[in-house]
Amino acid sequence: MWALDSKQLPAVDGFDIDVAVVEDLDSRPEHFDYNADVIEAWRNDDWQFAGVIVTASKNGHELGVSSVWGCERGWFPGMTRFIDPLVDNPYIDGLVDEAVQSAKAELAQLQEV
């Protein structure tokens, strides 16, 4: 899966945090309540659906992952700027928390072995 965009966030509880935006090939505008202009813009590739994947790692080992799908990315009709799920995403903080909690659980499990 190729990242369309990515960034690194500040470490949380000792875990490195990476966020990647990838194309969401499963979501379609018909699954949502969009008007005809929005659907036409999607068909014209003005915007696309994306997934946002947050990874928590330590020393280069991925230990926790969290994601959200069906995010809008691109020139959405009626917007005056490019919609970027790395910036315009109210879920990122929750995804980071989820990935870190998952990483802590995985690390604890590995330490028990």
C-alpha atoms as a PDB file:
ATOM      1  CA  MET A   1       0.000   0.000   0.000  1.00  0.00           C
ATOM      2  CA  TRP A   2       1.543   3.272  -1.139  1.00  0.00           C
ATOM      3  CA  ALA A   3       1.249   6.352   1.012  1.00  0.00           C
ATOM      4  CA  LEU A   4      -0.195   9.406  -0.704  1.00  0.00           C
ATOM      5  CA  ASP A   5       1.213  11.532   2.090  1.00  0.00           C
ATOM      6  CA  SER A   6       2.710  11.018   5.528  1.00  0.00           C
ATOM      7  CA  LYS A   7       4.163  12.800   8.512  1.00  0.00           C
ATOM      8  CA  GLN A   8       5.770  12.023  11.821  1.00  0.00           C
ATOM      9  CA  LEU A   9       4.184  13.370  14.996  1.00  0.00           C
ATOM     10  CA  PRO A  10       5.936  13.971  18.305  1.00  0.00           C
ATOM     11  CA  ALA A  11       6.645  10.814  20.311  1.00  0.00           C
ATOM     12  CA  VAL A  12       4.009   9.709  22.820  1.00  0.00           C
ATOM     13  CA  ASP A  13       5.008   7.729  25.924  1.00  0.00           C
ATOM     14  CA  GLY A  14       8.275   6.759  24.244  1.00  0.00           C
ATOM     15  CA  PHE A  15       6.676   5.559  20.995  1.00  0.00           C
ATOM     16  CA  ASP A  16       7.439   7.092  17.610  1.00  0.00           C
ATOM     17  CA  ILE A  17       4.209   8.111  15.858  1.00  0.00           C
ATOM     18  CA  ASP A  18       3.820   8.016  12.085  1.00  0.00           C
ATOM     19  CA  VAL A  19       0.684   8.984  10.179  1.00  0.00           C
ATOM     20  CA  ALA A  20       0.117   7.904   6.583  1.00  0.00           C
ATOM     21  CA  VAL A  21      -2.672   8.702   4.139  1.00  0.00           C
ATOM     22  CA  VAL A  22      -3.427   5.933   1.659  1.00  0.00           C
ATOM     23  CA  GLU A  23      -6.006   5.588  -1.087  1.00  0.00           C
ATOM     24  CA  ASP A  24      -9.255   3.969   0.057  1.00  0.00           C
ATOM     25  CA  LEU A  25     -10.428   1.853  -2.866  1.00  0.00           C
ATOM     26  CA  ASP A  26     -13.422   0.395  -0.996  1.00  0.00           C
ATOM     27  CA  SER A  27     -15.339   3.592  -0.223  1.00  0.00           C
ATOM     28  CA  ARG A  28     -17.611   5.024  -2.888  1.00  0.00           C
ATOM     29  CA  PRO A  29     -19.719   8.181  -2.851  1.00  0.00           C
ATOM     30  CA  GLU A  30     -22.874   6.102  -3.213  1.00  0.00           C
ATOM     31  CA  HIS A  31     -22.216   4.788   0.324  1.00  0.00           C
ATOM     32  CA  PHE A  32     -22.656   8.319   1.692  1.00  0.00           C
ATOM     33  CA  ASP A  33     -25.268  11.047   1.368  1.00  0.00           C
ATOM     34  CA  TYR A  34     -23.529  13.179  -1.292  1.00  0.00           C
ATOM     35  CA  ASN A  35     -25.245  15.357  -3.868  1.00  0.00           C
ATOM     36  CA  ALA A  36     -24.757  14.957  -7.631  1.00  0.00           C
ATOM     37  CA  ASP A  37     -22.062  17.687  -7.824  1.00  0.00           C
ATOM     38  CA  VAL A  38     -19.916  15.921  -5.243  1.00  0.00           C
ATOM     39  CA  ILE A  39     -20.310  12.552  -6.958  1.00  0.00           C
ATOM     40  CA  GLU A  40     -19.416  14.087 -10.337  1.00  0.00           C
ATOM     41  CA  ALA A  41     -16.298  15.703  -8.827  1.00  0.00           C
ATOM     42  CA  TRP A  42     -15.281  12.294  -7.429  1.00  0.00           C
ATOM     43  CA  ARG A  43     -15.779  10.709 -10.867  1.00  0.00           C
ATOM     44  CA  ASN A  44     -13.577  13.480 -12.343  1.00  0.00           C
ATOM     45  CA  ASP A  45     -10.831  12.651  -9.794  1.00  0.00           C
ATOM     46  CA  ASP A  46     -11.091  16.077  -8.160  1.00  0.00           C
ATOM     47  CA  TRP A  47     -11.182  14.323  -4.798  1.00  0.00           C
ATOM     48  CA  GLN A  48     -10.847  10.777  -3.525  1.00  0.00           C
ATOM     49  CA  PHE A  49     -11.459   8.663  -0.466  1.00  0.00           C
ATOM     50  CA  ALA A  50      -8.479   7.963   1.741  1.00  0.00           C
ATOM     51  CA  GLY A  51      -7.564   6.011   4.819  1.00  0.00           C
ATOM     52  CA  VAL A  52      -5.502   7.469   7.639  1.00  0.00           C
ATOM     53  CA  ILE A  53      -3.187   4.981   9.348  1.00  0.00           C
ATOM     54  CA  VAL A  54      -1.393   5.812  12.594  1.00  0.00           C
ATOM     55  CA  THR A  55       1.514   3.597  13.627  1.00  0.00           C
ATOM     56  CA  ALA A  56       3.213   3.552  17.019  1.00  0.00           C
ATOM     57  CA  SER A  57       6.711   2.060  16.982  1.00  0.00           C
ATOM     58  CA  LYS A  58       9.739   1.703  19.207  1.00  0.00           C
ATOM     59  CA  ASN A  59      13.293   1.299  17.913  1.00  0.00           C
ATOM     60  CA  GLY A  60      11.933   0.818  14.381  1.00  0.00           C
ATOM     61  CA  HIS A  61       9.497  -1.963  15.338  1.00  0.00           C
ATOM     62  CA  GLU A  62       5.838  -1.308  14.614  1.00  0.00           C
ATOM     63  CA  LEU A  63       3.863  -2.289  17.683  1.00  0.00           C
ATOM     64  CA  GLY A  64       0.489  -0.573  17.400  1.00  0.00           C
ATOM     65  CA  VAL A  65      -1.700   0.533  14.518  1.00  0.00           C
ATOM     66  CA  SER A  66      -5.006   2.364  14.281  1.00  0.00           C
ATOM     67  CA  SER A  67      -6.871   3.652  11.244  1.00  0.00           C
ATOM     68  CA  VAL A  68      -9.935   5.408   9.900  1.00  0.00           C
ATOM     69  CA  TRP A  69     -11.268   5.060   6.353  1.00  0.00           C
ATOM     70  CA  GLY A  70     -13.605   6.991   4.089  1.00  0.00           C
ATOM     71  CA  CYS A  71     -11.853  10.340   4.610  1.00  0.00           C
ATOM     72  CA  GLU A  72     -12.205  12.939   1.881  1.00  0.00           C
ATOM     73  CA  ARG A  73      -8.991  14.108   0.210  1.00  0.00           C
ATOM     74  CA  GLY A  74      -8.624  16.620  -2.611  1.00  0.00           C
ATOM     75  CA  TRP A  75     -10.602  19.466  -4.143  1.00  0.00           C
ATOM     76  CA  PHE A  76     -13.995  18.810  -2.588  1.00  0.00           C
ATOM     77  CA  PRO A  77     -16.823  20.846  -4.188  1.00  0.00           C
ATOM     78  CA  GLY A  78     -17.614  24.021  -2.291  1.00  0.00           C
ATOM     79  CA  MET A  79     -14.242  24.124  -0.531  1.00  0.00           C
ATOM     80  CA  THR A  80     -11.722  26.843  -1.384  1.00  0.00           C
ATOM     81  CA  ARG A  81      -8.671  24.747  -0.535  1.00  0.00           C
ATOM     82  CA  PHE A  82      -7.344  21.212  -0.853  1.00  0.00           C
ATOM     83  CA  ILE A  83      -8.817  18.914   1.824  1.00  0.00           C
ATOM     84  CA  ASP A  84      -5.959  17.066   3.511  1.00  0.00           C
ATOM     85  CA  PRO A  85      -6.818  14.298   5.992  1.00  0.00           C
ATOM     86  CA  LEU A  86      -3.449  14.827   7.689  1.00  0.00           C
ATOM     87  CA  VAL A  87      -4.626  18.328   8.621  1.00  0.00           C
ATOM     88  CA  ASP A  88      -8.439  18.227   8.473  1.00  0.00           C
ATOM     89  CA  ASN A  89      -8.985  15.117  10.561  1.00  0.00           C
ATOM     90  CA  PRO A  90     -10.634  15.326  13.975  1.00  0.00           C
ATOM     91  CA  TYR A  91      -9.861  11.637  14.565  1.00  0.00           C
ATOM     92  CA  ILE A  92      -6.048  11.779  14.576  1.00  0.00           C
ATOM     93  CA  ASP A  93      -5.700  12.340  18.341  1.00  0.00           C
ATOM     94  CA  GLY A  94      -7.975   9.368  19.031  1.00  0.00           C
ATOM     95  CA  LEU A  95      -6.101   7.240  16.494  1.00  0.00           C
ATOM     96  CA  VAL A  96      -2.800   8.123  18.164  1.00  0.00           C
ATOM     97  CA  ASP A  97      -4.197   7.133  21.572  1.00  0.00           C
ATOM     98  CA  GLU A  98      -5.510   3.862  20.147  1.00  0.00           C
ATOM     99  CA  ALA A  99      -2.213   3.015  18.424  1.00  0.00           C
ATOM    100  CA  VAL A 100      -0.189   3.799  21.567  1.00  0.00           C
ATOM    101  CA  GLN A 101      -2.489   1.670  23.757  1.00  0.00           C
ATOM    102  CA  SER A 102      -2.179  -1.170  21.249  1.00  0.00           C
ATOM    103  CA  ALA A 103       1.610  -0.759  21.200  1.00  0.00           C
ATOM    104  CA  LYS A 104       1.774  -0.850  25.004  1.00  0.00           C
ATOM    105  CA  ALA A 105      -0.293  -4.036  25.070  1.00  0.00           C
ATOM    106  CA  GLU A 106       1.890  -5.647  22.400  1.00  0.00           C
ATOM    107  CA  LEU A 107       5.069  -4.638  24.207  1.00  0.00           C
ATOM    108  CA  ALA A 108       3.745  -6.024  27.505  1.00  0.00           C
ATOM    109  CA  GLN A 109       2.875  -9.297  25.776  1.00  0.00           C
ATOM    110  CA  LEU A 110       6.355  -9.544  24.252  1.00  0.00           C
ATOM    111  CA  GLN A 111       7.969  -8.915  27.634  1.00  0.00           C
ATOM    112  CA  GLU A 112       5.993 -11.785  29.166  1.00  0.00           C
ATOM    113  CA  VAL A 113       7.528 -14.281  26.735  1.00  0.00           C
END
